[in-house]
Amino acid sequence: MNPKPIIFSNPSPSPSYRRRRRESWEMMTASLEASPQRRLLPLPPGYELSWWIRREILFVAPSSASLEQEHQCRRQQSFPSRNRHLVLPLPTVILLARTSSVRPGRMFYLSLIEHNLHLPPHLLNRPLVDAIKDELERLYLDKVITNLGLCISVYDIRSLEGGFIYPGEGSSTYKVVFRLLIFRPFIGEVICAKLKASDATGLHLTLGFFSDIHVPVHLLPKESEMGEDGIWVWKHEFGDLAMDLDEEVNVRVTKINYPSIPVEQDANAQPFAPMQIIGEIYGDGLGLISWWAD
């Protein structure tokens, strides 16, 4: 009697399916934590071979596969799942839970700053902490600090000293130690952005609050071409995949630039960007989210 085949697909996300998916993921995570060196996990009984956790892709391979054979299975199965199914005999199927290139990341962090703050006289009638926080936000919010990142907000004030009024000045001076919430994704982090524009240089993405994310041509999927309408298209072996505007894109950060302020700039030049994120969309799980959705 032939073993019952199991299908690699993405079925409709019914409540029972989502519950089973969550339970299976928790089971696999617990197994990995209990055995960090274990690369291969057997499929839990009664579960389908289809788990999309945070857009991560799980691959399949024979249980006796060597490391080289596992990589070969991964390469063979690295394609958008739309209208694609993989059928394998049940006894030979396992999960490779650590092969996905898409991982949740942290693009925000806290940075401790010390600043000698001059508090204007018109703020002295307000509560001191509120006045200082407002003045710090005026100075730092939406500003880029080189090699640090984009300032999002003043998180808290750790210490406050001084309050001296120096001769000839109407403002009081405080030594303030505070923490800033900073936006700066780390190299290799995968972030989800929206495709804002495309041109001959590549793709331009936005997060809403930050719009200087660029995917140059050489970091697009291979065999990508720009059409007459200015839209890039990935000439995939399973069909053309267009990179339409306003689509959500998984992009991996490869570099963060902090350009120097130009002394002179042409009238037709693009607005100066003090912080630029360079990313790539060539890899498993990267690119338009619609490519990898069922």
Protein backbone atom coordinates (compact mmCIF):
# COMPACT_ATOMS: atom_id res chain seq x y z
CA MET A 1 0.00 0.00 0.00
CA ASN A 2 1.43 3.34 -1.06
CA PRO A 3 1.88 5.94 1.68
CA LYS A 4 -0.63 8.76 1.72
CA PRO A 5 0.87 11.81 -0.03
CA ILE A 6 1.07 15.11 1.73
CA ILE A 7 0.74 18.42 -0.10
CA PHE A 8 2.92 21.50 0.27
CA SER A 9 0.42 24.32 -0.22
CA ASN A 10 -1.25 27.22 1.52
CA PRO A 11 -4.91 26.29 2.21
CA SER A 12 -7.56 28.83 3.15
CA PRO A 13 -6.79 30.19 6.64
CA SER A 14 -9.82 28.86 8.53
CA PRO A 15 -9.88 29.29 12.34
CA SER A 16 -9.07 25.61 12.88
CA TYR A 17 -6.19 25.84 10.39
CA ARG A 18 -4.75 28.90 12.13
CA ARG A 19 -5.04 27.18 15.51
CA ARG A 20 -3.32 24.04 14.25
CA ARG A 21 -0.65 26.14 12.57
CA ARG A 22 0.04 28.01 15.81
CA GLU A 23 0.13 24.79 17.84
CA SER A 24 2.49 23.15 15.36
CA TRP A 25 4.79 26.17 15.30
CA GLU A 26 4.92 26.22 19.10
CA MET A 27 5.73 22.51 19.08
CA MET A 28 8.55 22.98 16.56
CA THR A 29 9.92 26.02 18.39
CA ALA A 30 10.00 24.13 21.68
CA SER A 31 11.81 21.25 20.00
CA LEU A 32 14.43 23.59 18.54
CA GLU A 33 15.00 25.26 21.91
CA ALA A 34 15.40 21.88 23.58
CA SER A 35 17.90 20.73 20.94
CA PRO A 36 19.72 23.73 19.38
CA GLN A 37 21.95 21.52 17.21
CA ARG A 38 19.01 19.70 15.63
CA ARG A 39 18.40 20.80 12.05
CA LEU A 40 15.68 18.35 11.01
CA LEU A 41 12.25 18.20 12.58
CA PRO A 42 9.69 15.47 11.83
CA LEU A 43 6.23 16.53 10.76
CA PRO A 44 3.86 16.40 13.78
CA PRO A 45 1.15 13.73 13.34
CA GLY A 46 -2.09 14.99 11.82
CA TYR A 47 -0.65 18.27 10.51
CA GLU A 48 -0.37 19.49 6.96
CA LEU A 49 3.00 20.39 5.51
CA SER A 50 2.16 24.05 5.11
CA TRP A 51 3.13 26.66 7.69
CA TRP A 52 3.47 30.33 6.78
CA ILE A 53 4.71 32.02 9.92
CA ARG A 54 5.38 35.74 9.39
CA ARG A 55 5.78 34.99 5.68
CA GLU A 56 8.54 32.48 6.41
CA ILE A 57 8.83 29.44 4.17
CA LEU A 58 9.53 25.93 5.42
CA PHE A 59 11.20 23.51 3.05
CA VAL A 60 11.03 19.73 2.78
CA ALA A 61 13.67 17.05 2.19
CA PRO A 62 14.15 13.29 2.70
CA SER A 63 14.90 12.35 6.29
CA SER A 64 18.23 10.82 5.29
CA ALA A 65 19.34 13.88 3.31
CA SER A 66 22.86 15.19 3.68
CA LEU A 67 23.52 18.92 4.12
CA GLU A 68 24.28 19.26 0.40
CA GLN A 69 21.02 17.47 -0.49
CA GLU A 70 19.10 19.77 1.85
CA HIS A 71 20.48 22.83 0.08
CA GLN A 72 19.53 21.25 -3.24
CA CYS A 73 15.95 20.73 -2.00
CA ARG A 74 15.84 24.31 -0.85
CA ARG A 75 16.98 25.62 -4.23
CA GLN A 76 14.48 23.46 -6.08
CA GLN A 77 11.60 24.70 -3.91
CA SER A 78 12.52 28.39 -3.94
CA PHE A 79 9.62 29.65 -6.03
CA PRO A 80 6.46 31.68 -5.43
CA SER A 81 3.80 29.30 -4.18
CA ARG A 82 0.97 30.59 -6.34
CA ASN A 83 -0.57 27.66 -8.23
CA ARG A 84 2.30 25.41 -7.19
CA HIS A 85 2.10 22.17 -5.16
CA LEU A 86 4.74 19.73 -4.05
CA VAL A 87 3.65 16.12 -3.43
CA LEU A 88 5.97 13.77 -1.54
CA PRO A 89 5.46 10.39 0.20
CA LEU A 90 4.69 10.90 3.89
CA PRO A 91 7.52 8.74 5.36
CA THR A 92 10.18 10.75 3.50
CA VAL A 93 8.99 14.23 4.47
CA ILE A 94 10.48 16.39 7.20
CA LEU A 95 10.59 20.08 7.96
CA LEU A 96 13.67 22.27 7.74
CA ALA A 97 12.59 24.97 10.16
CA ARG A 98 15.76 27.07 9.98
CA THR A 99 16.18 27.57 6.25
CA SER A 100 13.99 30.63 5.69
CA SER A 101 15.84 33.86 4.94
CA VAL A 102 13.03 36.03 6.33
CA ARG A 103 13.29 36.75 10.05
CA PRO A 104 11.43 39.25 12.21
CA GLY A 105 13.77 42.08 13.16
CA ARG A 106 14.01 45.19 15.29
CA MET A 107 14.35 48.40 13.36
CA PHE A 108 13.90 50.59 16.47
CA TYR A 109 16.10 50.92 19.53
CA LEU A 110 16.78 53.28 22.43
CA SER A 111 19.88 55.49 22.52
CA LEU A 112 21.14 57.32 25.63
CA ILE A 113 21.96 60.98 24.89
CA GLU A 114 23.50 63.77 27.00
CA HIS A 115 22.68 67.35 25.99
CA ASN A 116 23.30 70.82 27.43
CA LEU A 117 19.88 72.31 26.85
CA HIS A 118 19.06 76.03 26.80
CA LEU A 119 15.46 76.38 27.96
CA PRO A 120 13.81 79.54 26.53
CA PRO A 121 12.27 81.96 29.08
CA HIS A 122 8.73 81.58 27.68
CA LEU A 123 8.74 77.90 28.77
CA LEU A 124 9.72 78.56 32.39
CA ASN A 125 6.09 78.91 33.50
CA ARG A 126 5.38 75.28 32.52
CA PRO A 127 6.21 72.12 34.52
CA LEU A 128 9.95 71.69 34.14
CA VAL A 129 10.00 68.11 32.82
CA ASP A 130 7.25 68.81 30.27
CA ALA A 131 8.99 71.97 29.07
CA ILE A 132 12.33 70.20 28.67
CA LYS A 133 10.76 67.27 26.85
CA ASP A 134 8.96 69.58 24.41
CA GLU A 135 12.19 71.46 23.72
CA LEU A 136 14.10 68.22 23.16
CA GLU A 137 11.43 67.02 20.74
CA ARG A 138 11.66 70.31 18.85
CA LEU A 139 15.41 69.84 18.51
CA TYR A 140 15.55 66.12 17.71
CA LEU A 141 12.27 64.87 16.23
CA ASP A 142 12.50 63.85 12.55
CA LYS A 143 16.22 64.64 12.57
CA VAL A 144 18.93 62.21 11.48
CA ILE A 145 22.00 61.75 13.68
CA THR A 146 24.92 60.43 11.64
CA ASN A 147 25.72 56.77 12.37
CA LEU A 148 22.82 56.68 14.83
CA GLY A 149 19.62 56.94 12.80
CA LEU A 150 16.33 58.83 12.55
CA CYS A 151 14.96 60.24 15.81
CA ILE A 152 11.34 59.19 16.34
CA SER A 153 10.53 60.45 19.85
CA VAL A 154 11.92 61.28 23.27
CA TYR A 155 11.36 58.08 25.24
CA ASP A 156 12.17 59.33 28.74
CA ILE A 157 14.40 61.68 30.76
CA ARG A 158 16.91 59.88 32.96
CA SER A 159 18.53 62.78 34.83
CA LEU A 160 18.36 66.56 35.03
CA GLU A 161 20.98 68.91 36.46
CA GLY A 162 21.71 72.62 36.46
CA GLY A 163 19.24 75.36 35.72
CA PHE A 164 21.85 78.10 35.68
CA ILE A 165 21.21 81.44 34.00
CA TYR A 166 24.50 82.77 32.68
CA PRO A 167 25.21 86.52 32.45
CA GLY A 168 23.81 88.03 29.28
CA GLU A 169 21.43 85.13 28.65
CA GLY A 170 17.75 84.93 29.40
CA SER A 171 17.49 81.15 29.14
CA SER A 172 18.39 78.62 31.81
CA THR A 173 20.86 75.86 30.99
CA TYR A 174 20.28 72.24 32.02
CA LYS A 175 22.41 69.14 31.61
CA VAL A 176 19.88 66.54 30.45
CA VAL A 177 20.44 62.80 30.06
CA PHE A 178 17.59 61.21 28.12
CA ARG A 179 16.75 58.34 25.80
CA LEU A 180 15.69 58.70 22.19
CA LEU A 181 13.68 56.18 20.20
CA ILE A 182 15.78 55.72 17.06
CA PHE A 183 14.90 54.15 13.72
CA ARG A 184 17.80 52.28 12.15
CA PRO A 185 17.34 48.74 10.83
CA PHE A 186 20.36 46.50 11.17
CA ILE A 187 22.21 45.05 8.21
CA GLY A 188 20.48 41.86 7.08
CA GLU A 189 17.12 42.77 8.62
CA VAL A 190 14.04 42.21 6.48
CA ILE A 191 11.50 45.02 6.59
CA CYS A 192 8.12 45.37 4.91
CA ALA A 193 7.76 48.60 2.91
CA LYS A 194 5.48 49.94 0.20
CA LEU A 195 6.65 50.41 -3.38
CA LYS A 196 6.50 54.16 -3.98
CA ALA A 197 8.15 54.59 -7.38
CA SER A 198 10.36 52.84 -9.91
CA ASP A 199 12.78 54.14 -12.52
CA ALA A 200 15.91 53.15 -14.39
CA THR A 201 17.92 53.13 -11.14
CA GLY A 202 15.66 50.57 -9.44
CA LEU A 203 12.84 50.68 -6.87
CA HIS A 204 12.03 53.38 -4.31
CA LEU A 205 10.19 52.23 -1.18
CA THR A 206 8.54 53.96 1.77
CA LEU A 207 7.57 53.09 5.33
CA GLY A 208 5.29 56.12 5.62
CA PHE A 209 7.48 57.93 8.14
CA PHE A 210 10.67 57.17 6.17
CA SER A 211 10.84 57.22 2.38
CA ASP A 212 14.52 56.93 1.44
CA ILE A 213 14.73 53.18 0.80
CA HIS A 214 16.30 52.24 -2.51
CA VAL A 215 16.67 48.87 -4.23
CA PRO A 216 19.22 49.33 -7.05
CA VAL A 217 19.00 47.37 -10.27
CA HIS A 218 21.78 44.92 -9.39
CA LEU A 219 19.90 43.92 -6.20
CA LEU A 220 16.64 43.12 -8.01
CA PRO A 221 15.86 39.49 -8.90
CA LYS A 222 17.88 38.24 -11.83
CA GLU A 223 16.18 38.43 -15.22
CA SER A 224 14.31 41.59 -14.15
CA GLU A 225 13.40 44.06 -16.90
CA MET A 226 11.74 47.47 -16.91
CA GLY A 227 8.75 47.79 -19.21
CA GLU A 228 7.72 50.76 -21.31
CA ASP A 229 5.37 51.89 -18.55
CA GLY A 230 8.29 52.14 -16.11
CA ILE A 231 7.25 49.05 -14.12
CA TRP A 232 9.90 46.44 -13.39
CA VAL A 233 9.00 42.82 -14.16
CA TRP A 234 10.71 39.68 -12.89
CA LYS A 235 10.91 37.24 -15.81
CA HIS A 236 10.42 34.13 -13.70
CA GLU A 237 10.36 30.65 -15.21
CA PHE A 238 6.80 30.22 -13.91
CA GLY A 239 5.57 33.51 -15.38
CA ASP A 240 6.14 37.27 -15.35
CA LEU A 241 5.85 38.87 -11.91
CA ALA A 242 5.27 42.63 -12.07
CA MET A 243 6.51 44.99 -9.37
CA ASP A 244 3.42 47.21 -9.24
CA LEU A 245 3.31 50.48 -7.34
CA ASP A 246 1.73 50.62 -3.86
CA GLU A 247 2.43 46.90 -3.33
CA GLU A 248 3.97 45.71 -0.05
CA VAL A 249 7.54 44.48 -0.44
CA ASN A 250 9.84 42.43 1.80
CA VAL A 251 13.29 43.99 1.43
CA ARG A 252 16.53 42.94 3.13
CA VAL A 253 18.76 45.80 4.31
CA THR A 254 22.27 45.59 2.83
CA LYS A 255 23.66 49.04 3.64
CA ILE A 256 22.80 52.32 5.37
CA ASN A 257 24.36 55.52 4.03
CA TYR A 258 24.73 58.89 5.76
CA PRO A 259 25.76 61.24 2.91
CA SER A 260 27.57 64.49 3.59
CA ILE A 261 25.54 67.66 3.12
CA PRO A 262 26.35 68.98 -0.38
CA VAL A 263 27.82 72.47 -0.60
CA GLU A 264 26.17 73.05 -3.98
CA GLN A 265 23.24 71.27 -5.57
CA ASP A 266 21.66 71.47 -9.01
CA ALA A 267 18.21 72.98 -9.26
CA ASN A 268 16.82 69.74 -10.73
CA ALA A 269 18.55 67.45 -8.21
CA GLN A 270 16.58 65.23 -5.86
CA PRO A 271 16.05 66.57 -2.32
CA PHE A 272 18.98 65.78 -0.05
CA ALA A 273 18.47 62.64 2.05
CA PRO A 274 20.63 62.55 5.22
CA MET A 275 19.97 58.81 5.64
CA GLN A 276 19.55 56.27 2.85
CA ILE A 277 18.74 52.58 3.20
CA ILE A 278 19.95 50.26 0.44
CA GLY A 279 18.18 46.92 0.19
CA GLU A 280 17.76 43.83 -1.95
CA ILE A 281 14.74 41.77 -2.96
CA TYR A 282 16.59 38.83 -4.51
CA GLY A 283 16.18 35.83 -2.22
CA ASP A 284 13.72 33.39 -0.69
CA GLY A 285 10.66 35.20 0.67
CA LEU A 286 11.87 38.59 -0.56
CA GLY A 287 10.12 40.87 -3.02
CA LEU A 288 6.42 41.57 -3.33
CA ILE A 289 4.39 39.81 -0.66
CA SER A 290 1.81 38.91 -3.31
CA TRP A 291 4.44 36.73 -5.01
CA TRP A 292 4.58 34.43 -2.01
CA ALA A 293 0.90 34.46 -1.02
CA ASP A 294 -1.48 31.78 -2.16
